[in-house]
C-alpha cells in the first residue's frame, strides 16, 4: 500500500468526523484573540472540514463573551465582522490497485472585532450580554 495513502488513512481515522472543538487554536482549528485597544479585541475562530459555518460563528461569539467577562466587562458590541471559507484541494497518487484520488476540504472561519463595556451602552443597535450569551452557547453545544 502506498505510504502516503496509509498516512492519510491514519489521520482520517484519528480526526475523521470530528468537528473542531471549542479550544485554543490547534491542529484542528480553534480560537485566537488579539487586544487592539484598552477595551477592544479581535476574535478569530477557524473550523476544520467537519465544522459548519453556523457553529464557527457561534464559537467566535462564545470566545468574545469569555474575553469580555475575563477582562472585567459585562457587555460587548460587534464593531466589525467577517466570515470566511477556505477550500483545500489535494490529491493522492494511485497505484496498480487504487485509482488516483482528488479531495477537497471546506473550512469555515469567523472574525469579530468587539468593543467591551462595563455598563450597557445605549447608542448601539445590538448589545450582547456576555454572561447570558456564554451560558446560552455553552448549553447549546454542551460545553462545560
N, C-alpha and C. Protein backbone atom coordinates (compact mmCIF):
# COMPACT_ATOMS: atom_id res chain seq x y z
N UNK A 1 0.86 -1.19 0.00
CA UNK A 1 0.00 0.00 0.00
C UNK A 1 0.89 1.23 0.00
N UNK A 2 0.49 2.21 -0.72
CA UNK A 2 1.21 3.47 -0.81
C UNK A 2 1.34 4.09 0.58
N UNK A 3 2.55 4.45 0.98
CA UNK A 3 2.80 5.02 2.31
C UNK A 3 1.97 6.29 2.52
N UNK A 4 1.87 7.10 1.49
CA UNK A 4 1.11 8.35 1.60
C UNK A 4 -0.38 8.07 1.87
N UNK A 5 -0.92 7.07 1.17
CA UNK A 5 -2.32 6.69 1.37
C UNK A 5 -2.53 6.12 2.77
N UNK A 6 -1.57 5.36 3.24
CA UNK A 6 -1.65 4.80 4.59
C UNK A 6 -1.65 5.92 5.63
N UNK A 7 -0.76 6.91 5.48
CA UNK A 7 -0.71 8.02 6.43
C UNK A 7 -2.00 8.83 6.42
N UNK A 8 -2.52 9.10 5.23
CA UNK A 8 -3.78 9.85 5.14
C UNK A 8 -4.92 9.07 5.79
N UNK A 9 -4.95 7.78 5.59
CA UNK A 9 -5.97 6.94 6.20
C UNK A 9 -5.88 6.99 7.73
N UNK A 10 -4.65 6.97 8.24
CA UNK A 10 -4.45 7.03 9.68
C UNK A 10 -4.93 8.37 10.25
N UNK A 11 -4.60 9.47 9.57
CA UNK A 11 -5.06 10.79 10.00
C UNK A 11 -6.59 10.84 9.96
N UNK A 12 -7.18 10.30 8.92
CA UNK A 12 -8.65 10.30 8.80
C UNK A 12 -9.29 9.53 9.94
N UNK A 13 -8.68 8.43 10.36
CA UNK A 13 -9.21 7.66 11.48
C UNK A 13 -9.11 8.44 12.78
N UNK A 14 -7.98 9.14 12.98
CA UNK A 14 -7.75 9.87 14.22
C UNK A 14 -8.68 11.08 14.34
N UNK A 15 -8.80 11.89 13.28
CA UNK A 15 -9.60 13.11 13.38
C UNK A 15 -10.86 13.07 12.53
N UNK A 16 -11.08 11.99 11.85
CA UNK A 16 -12.22 11.89 10.95
C UNK A 16 -13.54 12.08 11.66
N UNK A 17 -14.39 12.88 11.03
CA UNK A 17 -15.73 13.08 11.57
C UNK A 17 -15.78 13.95 12.81
N UNK A 18 -14.68 14.52 13.21
CA UNK A 18 -14.66 15.33 14.43
C UNK A 18 -14.67 16.81 14.08
N UNK A 19 -15.74 17.47 14.44
CA UNK A 19 -15.79 18.92 14.26
C UNK A 19 -14.79 19.57 15.21
N UNK A 20 -14.37 20.76 14.86
CA UNK A 20 -13.46 21.49 15.73
C UNK A 20 -14.12 21.69 17.09
N UNK A 21 -13.41 21.32 18.13
CA UNK A 21 -13.93 21.55 19.47
C UNK A 21 -13.72 23.00 19.83
N UNK A 22 -14.41 23.44 20.88
CA UNK A 22 -14.19 24.80 21.38
C UNK A 22 -12.89 24.76 22.16
N UNK A 23 -11.84 25.32 21.56
CA UNK A 23 -10.50 25.24 22.13
C UNK A 23 -9.63 26.35 21.55
N UNK A 24 -8.49 26.56 22.20
CA UNK A 24 -7.49 27.48 21.63
C UNK A 24 -7.00 26.87 20.31
N UNK A 25 -6.53 27.71 19.42
CA UNK A 25 -6.12 27.27 18.08
C UNK A 25 -5.11 26.14 18.16
N UNK A 26 -5.38 25.07 17.43
CA UNK A 26 -4.51 23.91 17.36
C UNK A 26 -4.59 23.27 15.99
N UNK A 27 -4.20 22.02 15.91
CA UNK A 27 -4.15 21.28 14.65
C UNK A 27 -5.51 21.24 13.94
N UNK A 28 -6.59 21.13 14.70
CA UNK A 28 -7.92 21.01 14.09
C UNK A 28 -8.71 22.31 14.12
N UNK A 29 -8.05 23.44 14.35
CA UNK A 29 -8.75 24.73 14.39
C UNK A 29 -8.88 25.23 15.81
N UNK A 30 -9.70 26.27 16.00
CA UNK A 30 -9.92 26.84 17.32
C UNK A 30 -9.85 28.35 17.29
N UNK A 31 -9.77 28.95 18.50
CA UNK A 31 -9.84 30.41 18.61
C UNK A 31 -8.49 31.05 18.93
N UNK A 32 -8.39 32.31 18.52
CA UNK A 32 -7.31 33.20 18.94
C UNK A 32 -7.94 34.57 19.18
N UNK A 33 -7.26 35.40 19.94
CA UNK A 33 -7.74 36.77 20.11
C UNK A 33 -6.54 37.69 20.25
N UNK A 34 -6.77 38.94 19.85
CA UNK A 34 -5.75 39.98 19.94
C UNK A 34 -6.38 41.22 20.52
N UNK A 35 -5.78 41.75 21.60
CA UNK A 35 -6.27 43.00 22.15
C UNK A 35 -5.69 44.13 21.32
N UNK A 36 -6.57 44.99 20.78
CA UNK A 36 -6.12 46.06 19.89
C UNK A 36 -6.28 47.45 20.50
N UNK A 37 -6.99 47.56 21.61
CA UNK A 37 -7.14 48.80 22.37
C UNK A 37 -7.54 48.39 23.78
N UNK A 38 -7.70 49.37 24.66
CA UNK A 38 -7.99 49.05 26.07
C UNK A 38 -9.21 48.14 26.22
N UNK A 39 -10.28 48.38 25.47
CA UNK A 39 -11.49 47.58 25.60
C UNK A 39 -11.93 47.00 24.26
N UNK A 40 -10.96 46.76 23.37
CA UNK A 40 -11.28 46.25 22.04
C UNK A 40 -10.41 45.02 21.73
N UNK A 41 -11.05 43.97 21.25
CA UNK A 41 -10.35 42.74 20.88
C UNK A 41 -10.82 42.27 19.51
N UNK A 42 -9.93 41.60 18.82
CA UNK A 42 -10.30 40.89 17.60
C UNK A 42 -10.25 39.41 17.92
N UNK A 43 -11.37 38.75 17.70
CA UNK A 43 -11.53 37.32 17.98
C UNK A 43 -11.58 36.59 16.65
N UNK A 44 -10.85 35.50 16.55
CA UNK A 44 -10.90 34.67 15.34
C UNK A 44 -11.19 33.23 15.74
N UNK A 45 -12.03 32.58 14.94
CA UNK A 45 -12.27 31.14 15.14
C UNK A 45 -12.18 30.46 13.79
N UNK A 46 -11.37 29.42 13.73
CA UNK A 46 -11.19 28.64 12.50
C UNK A 46 -11.71 27.23 12.73
N UNK A 47 -12.57 26.80 11.85
CA UNK A 47 -13.08 25.43 11.91
C UNK A 47 -12.28 24.51 11.01
N UNK A 48 -12.56 23.22 11.12
CA UNK A 48 -11.95 22.27 10.19
C UNK A 48 -13.02 21.84 9.18
N UNK A 49 -12.73 20.83 8.41
CA UNK A 49 -13.65 20.40 7.36
C UNK A 49 -14.96 19.83 7.86
N UNK A 50 -15.08 19.56 9.15
CA UNK A 50 -16.30 18.98 9.72
C UNK A 50 -17.10 19.97 10.55
N UNK A 51 -16.67 21.23 10.59
CA UNK A 51 -17.33 22.23 11.42
C UNK A 51 -18.14 23.16 10.53
N UNK A 52 -19.43 23.24 10.77
CA UNK A 52 -20.30 24.09 9.97
C UNK A 52 -20.07 25.58 10.23
N UNK A 53 -20.46 26.39 9.25
CA UNK A 53 -20.27 27.83 9.35
C UNK A 53 -21.02 28.43 10.54
N UNK A 54 -22.22 27.94 10.82
CA UNK A 54 -23.00 28.44 11.95
C UNK A 54 -22.32 28.18 13.27
N UNK A 55 -21.74 27.00 13.42
CA UNK A 55 -21.04 26.67 14.66
C UNK A 55 -19.78 27.52 14.80
N UNK A 56 -19.09 27.77 13.71
CA UNK A 56 -17.90 28.62 13.75
C UNK A 56 -18.28 30.03 14.21
N UNK A 57 -19.38 30.57 13.68
CA UNK A 57 -19.83 31.91 14.09
C UNK A 57 -20.21 31.91 15.57
N UNK A 58 -20.92 30.87 16.02
CA UNK A 58 -21.29 30.78 17.44
C UNK A 58 -20.06 30.71 18.33
N UNK A 59 -19.06 29.92 17.93
CA UNK A 59 -17.86 29.79 18.75
C UNK A 59 -17.07 31.09 18.81
N UNK A 60 -17.09 31.88 17.73
CA UNK A 60 -16.45 33.20 17.78
C UNK A 60 -17.17 34.09 18.78
N UNK A 61 -18.50 34.04 18.82
CA UNK A 61 -19.26 34.83 19.80
C UNK A 61 -19.04 34.30 21.22
N UNK A 62 -18.93 32.99 21.37
CA UNK A 62 -18.66 32.44 22.70
C UNK A 62 -17.31 32.93 23.20
N UNK A 63 -16.30 32.92 22.35
CA UNK A 63 -14.99 33.42 22.78
C UNK A 63 -15.05 34.91 23.09
N UNK A 64 -15.82 35.66 22.30
CA UNK A 64 -15.99 37.09 22.57
C UNK A 64 -16.61 37.30 23.95
N UNK A 65 -17.59 36.47 24.30
CA UNK A 65 -18.22 36.55 25.62
C UNK A 65 -17.22 36.28 26.72
N UNK A 66 -16.40 35.25 26.54
CA UNK A 66 -15.41 34.90 27.57
C UNK A 66 -14.36 36.00 27.74
N UNK A 67 -13.88 36.53 26.63
CA UNK A 67 -12.88 37.60 26.70
C UNK A 67 -13.47 38.81 27.42
N UNK A 68 -14.73 39.13 27.12
CA UNK A 68 -15.42 40.24 27.77
C UNK A 68 -15.44 40.04 29.29
N UNK A 69 -15.90 38.88 29.72
CA UNK A 69 -16.02 38.59 31.16
C UNK A 69 -14.65 38.49 31.84
N UNK A 70 -13.68 37.87 31.19
CA UNK A 70 -12.34 37.71 31.78
C UNK A 70 -11.63 39.04 32.00
N UNK A 71 -12.06 40.06 31.28
CA UNK A 71 -11.41 41.36 31.40
C UNK A 71 -12.24 42.37 32.19
N UNK A 72 -13.22 41.88 32.94
CA UNK A 72 -13.97 42.73 33.85
C UNK A 72 -15.12 43.51 33.22
N UNK A 73 -15.54 43.13 32.03
CA UNK A 73 -16.66 43.80 31.36
C UNK A 73 -17.88 42.90 31.39
N UNK A 74 -19.03 43.44 31.06
CA UNK A 74 -20.27 42.65 31.07
C UNK A 74 -20.92 42.60 29.68
N UNK A 75 -20.74 43.64 28.89
CA UNK A 75 -21.41 43.75 27.58
C UNK A 75 -20.38 43.93 26.48
N UNK A 76 -20.78 43.53 25.26
CA UNK A 76 -19.93 43.83 24.11
C UNK A 76 -20.79 44.08 22.88
N UNK A 77 -20.19 44.83 21.97
CA UNK A 77 -20.80 45.16 20.69
C UNK A 77 -19.83 44.67 19.61
N UNK A 78 -20.36 44.03 18.59
CA UNK A 78 -19.52 43.62 17.46
C UNK A 78 -19.37 44.84 16.55
N UNK A 79 -18.15 45.35 16.46
CA UNK A 79 -17.88 46.53 15.66
C UNK A 79 -17.64 46.16 14.20
N UNK A 80 -16.92 45.08 13.97
CA UNK A 80 -16.64 44.59 12.62
C UNK A 80 -16.74 43.07 12.64
N UNK A 81 -17.20 42.51 11.51
CA UNK A 81 -17.25 41.06 11.43
C UNK A 81 -16.94 40.60 10.01
N UNK A 82 -16.34 39.44 9.94
CA UNK A 82 -16.01 38.85 8.65
C UNK A 82 -16.14 37.34 8.78
N UNK A 83 -16.83 36.74 7.83
CA UNK A 83 -16.92 35.29 7.76
C UNK A 83 -16.13 34.86 6.53
N UNK A 84 -15.45 33.74 6.66
CA UNK A 84 -14.62 33.30 5.55
C UNK A 84 -14.81 31.80 5.32
N UNK A 85 -14.41 31.38 4.15
CA UNK A 85 -14.40 29.96 3.81
C UNK A 85 -13.14 29.69 3.02
N UNK A 86 -12.49 28.60 3.35
CA UNK A 86 -11.27 28.21 2.66
C UNK A 86 -11.48 26.79 2.15
N UNK A 87 -11.09 26.54 0.94
CA UNK A 87 -11.16 25.20 0.38
C UNK A 87 -9.75 24.73 0.07
N UNK A 88 -9.38 23.62 0.70
CA UNK A 88 -8.09 23.00 0.43
C UNK A 88 -8.33 21.83 -0.52
N UNK A 89 -7.58 21.78 -1.61
CA UNK A 89 -7.71 20.72 -2.59
C UNK A 89 -6.39 19.97 -2.64
N UNK A 90 -6.49 18.66 -2.70
CA UNK A 90 -5.28 17.85 -2.76
C UNK A 90 -5.55 16.60 -3.55
N UNK A 91 -4.52 15.82 -3.74
CA UNK A 91 -4.68 14.56 -4.46
C UNK A 91 -3.73 13.53 -3.88
N UNK A 92 -4.12 12.30 -4.05
CA UNK A 92 -3.29 11.18 -3.64
C UNK A 92 -2.97 10.37 -4.88
N UNK A 93 -1.73 10.03 -5.04
CA UNK A 93 -1.33 9.24 -6.20
C UNK A 93 -1.91 7.85 -6.11
N UNK A 94 -2.26 7.31 -7.22
CA UNK A 94 -2.77 5.94 -7.26
C UNK A 94 -1.63 4.97 -7.48
N UNK A 95 -1.99 3.72 -7.59
CA UNK A 95 -1.02 2.68 -7.93
C UNK A 95 -1.75 1.64 -8.77
N UNK A 96 -1.17 0.48 -8.93
CA UNK A 96 -1.78 -0.56 -9.79
C UNK A 96 -3.14 -1.02 -9.26
N UNK A 97 -3.40 -0.83 -7.97
CA UNK A 97 -4.63 -1.33 -7.35
C UNK A 97 -5.63 -0.24 -6.98
N UNK A 98 -5.16 0.98 -6.85
CA UNK A 98 -6.02 2.08 -6.38
C UNK A 98 -5.93 3.24 -7.38
N UNK A 99 -7.08 3.74 -7.80
CA UNK A 99 -7.10 4.89 -8.71
C UNK A 99 -6.66 6.15 -7.96
N UNK A 100 -6.10 7.12 -8.67
CA UNK A 100 -5.74 8.40 -8.02
C UNK A 100 -6.98 9.03 -7.38
N UNK A 101 -6.79 9.69 -6.27
CA UNK A 101 -7.88 10.31 -5.53
C UNK A 101 -7.69 11.82 -5.48
N UNK A 102 -8.76 12.57 -5.73
CA UNK A 102 -8.75 14.02 -5.58
C UNK A 102 -9.75 14.34 -4.47
N UNK A 103 -9.37 15.21 -3.57
CA UNK A 103 -10.26 15.56 -2.47
C UNK A 103 -10.24 17.07 -2.24
N UNK A 104 -11.31 17.57 -1.64
CA UNK A 104 -11.35 18.98 -1.24
C UNK A 104 -11.96 19.05 0.15
N UNK A 105 -11.43 19.97 0.95
CA UNK A 105 -11.90 20.16 2.32
C UNK A 105 -12.28 21.64 2.47
N UNK A 106 -13.52 21.89 2.89
CA UNK A 106 -14.01 23.25 3.08
C UNK A 106 -13.93 23.59 4.57
N UNK A 107 -13.33 24.74 4.88
CA UNK A 107 -13.14 25.16 6.27
C UNK A 107 -13.72 26.56 6.46
N UNK A 108 -14.62 26.68 7.43
CA UNK A 108 -15.24 27.98 7.74
C UNK A 108 -14.40 28.72 8.77
N UNK A 109 -14.46 30.04 8.70
CA UNK A 109 -13.76 30.88 9.66
C UNK A 109 -14.61 32.09 10.00
N UNK A 110 -14.37 32.68 11.15
CA UNK A 110 -15.10 33.88 11.57
C UNK A 110 -14.15 34.79 12.32
N UNK A 111 -14.30 36.08 12.07
CA UNK A 111 -13.52 37.09 12.79
C UNK A 111 -14.48 38.16 13.27
N UNK A 112 -14.36 38.53 14.55
CA UNK A 112 -15.20 39.56 15.15
C UNK A 112 -14.32 40.53 15.91
N UNK A 113 -14.46 41.81 15.62
CA UNK A 113 -13.81 42.84 16.44
C UNK A 113 -14.88 43.37 17.38
N UNK A 114 -14.60 43.26 18.67
CA UNK A 114 -15.60 43.63 19.68
C UNK A 114 -15.12 44.79 20.52
N UNK A 115 -16.07 45.59 20.97
CA UNK A 115 -15.82 46.66 21.93
C UNK A 115 -16.57 46.28 23.19
N UNK A 116 -15.86 46.27 24.33
CA UNK A 116 -16.43 45.82 25.60
C UNK A 116 -16.81 47.01 26.49
N UNK A 117 -17.87 46.80 27.28
CA UNK A 117 -18.39 47.84 28.17
C UNK A 117 -18.74 47.24 29.52
N UNK A 118 -18.55 48.04 30.58
CA UNK A 118 -18.99 47.64 31.92
C UNK A 118 -20.49 47.88 32.09
N UNK A 119 -20.99 48.96 31.52
CA UNK A 119 -22.41 49.28 31.56
C UNK A 119 -22.98 49.12 30.15
N UNK A 120 -24.25 48.81 30.06
CA UNK A 120 -24.88 48.59 28.76
C UNK A 120 -24.94 49.90 27.97
N UNK A 121 -24.30 49.95 26.81
CA UNK A 121 -24.33 51.18 26.00
C UNK A 121 -25.71 51.37 25.37
N UNK A 122 -26.16 52.58 25.31
CA UNK A 122 -27.50 52.88 24.79
C UNK A 122 -27.50 53.13 23.28
N UNK A 123 -26.40 53.60 22.73
CA UNK A 123 -26.36 54.01 21.32
C UNK A 123 -26.23 52.84 20.35
N UNK A 124 -25.77 51.71 20.81
CA UNK A 124 -25.52 50.57 19.91
C UNK A 124 -26.82 49.86 19.55
N UNK A 125 -26.86 49.31 18.34
CA UNK A 125 -28.08 48.62 17.90
C UNK A 125 -28.20 47.23 18.52
N UNK A 126 -27.12 46.44 18.52
CA UNK A 126 -27.15 45.12 19.15
C UNK A 126 -26.06 45.07 20.21
N UNK A 127 -26.49 44.88 21.44
CA UNK A 127 -25.57 44.78 22.57
C UNK A 127 -25.71 43.38 23.14
N UNK A 128 -24.60 42.67 23.23
CA UNK A 128 -24.62 41.31 23.79
C UNK A 128 -24.31 41.36 25.28
N UNK A 129 -25.10 40.65 26.06
CA UNK A 129 -24.83 40.42 27.47
C UNK A 129 -23.92 39.19 27.50
N UNK A 130 -22.65 39.38 27.81
CA UNK A 130 -21.66 38.30 27.71
C UNK A 130 -22.00 37.11 28.59
N UNK A 131 -22.48 37.37 29.79
CA UNK A 131 -22.81 36.28 30.71
C UNK A 131 -23.95 35.43 30.16
N UNK A 132 -25.01 36.09 29.70
CA UNK A 132 -26.15 35.38 29.14
C UNK A 132 -25.76 34.59 27.89
N UNK A 133 -25.03 35.23 26.98
CA UNK A 133 -24.66 34.59 25.73
C UNK A 133 -23.73 33.40 25.96
N UNK A 134 -22.78 33.55 26.85
CA UNK A 134 -21.87 32.46 27.17
C UNK A 134 -22.64 31.25 27.69
N UNK A 135 -23.55 31.48 28.60
CA UNK A 135 -24.36 30.39 29.17
C UNK A 135 -25.20 29.73 28.08
N UNK A 136 -25.83 30.53 27.25
CA UNK A 136 -26.69 30.02 26.19
C UNK A 136 -25.91 29.15 25.19
N UNK A 137 -24.76 29.63 24.74
CA UNK A 137 -23.99 28.87 23.75
C UNK A 137 -23.34 27.63 24.36
N UNK A 138 -22.93 27.72 25.61
CA UNK A 138 -22.37 26.52 26.27
C UNK A 138 -23.43 25.43 26.40
N UNK A 139 -24.66 25.82 26.70
CA UNK A 139 -25.75 24.84 26.77
C UNK A 139 -26.04 24.26 25.39
N UNK A 140 -26.09 25.10 24.39
CA UNK A 140 -26.40 24.67 23.02
C UNK A 140 -25.42 23.60 22.54
N UNK A 141 -24.13 23.77 22.84
CA UNK A 141 -23.10 22.85 22.36
C UNK A 141 -22.59 21.91 23.44
N UNK A 142 -23.24 21.90 24.59
CA UNK A 142 -22.88 21.03 25.71
C UNK A 142 -21.40 21.16 26.08
N UNK A 143 -20.99 22.41 26.28
CA UNK A 143 -19.61 22.73 26.66
C UNK A 143 -19.58 23.02 28.15
N UNK A 144 -18.73 22.35 28.86
CA UNK A 144 -18.63 22.52 30.33
C UNK A 144 -17.87 23.76 30.68
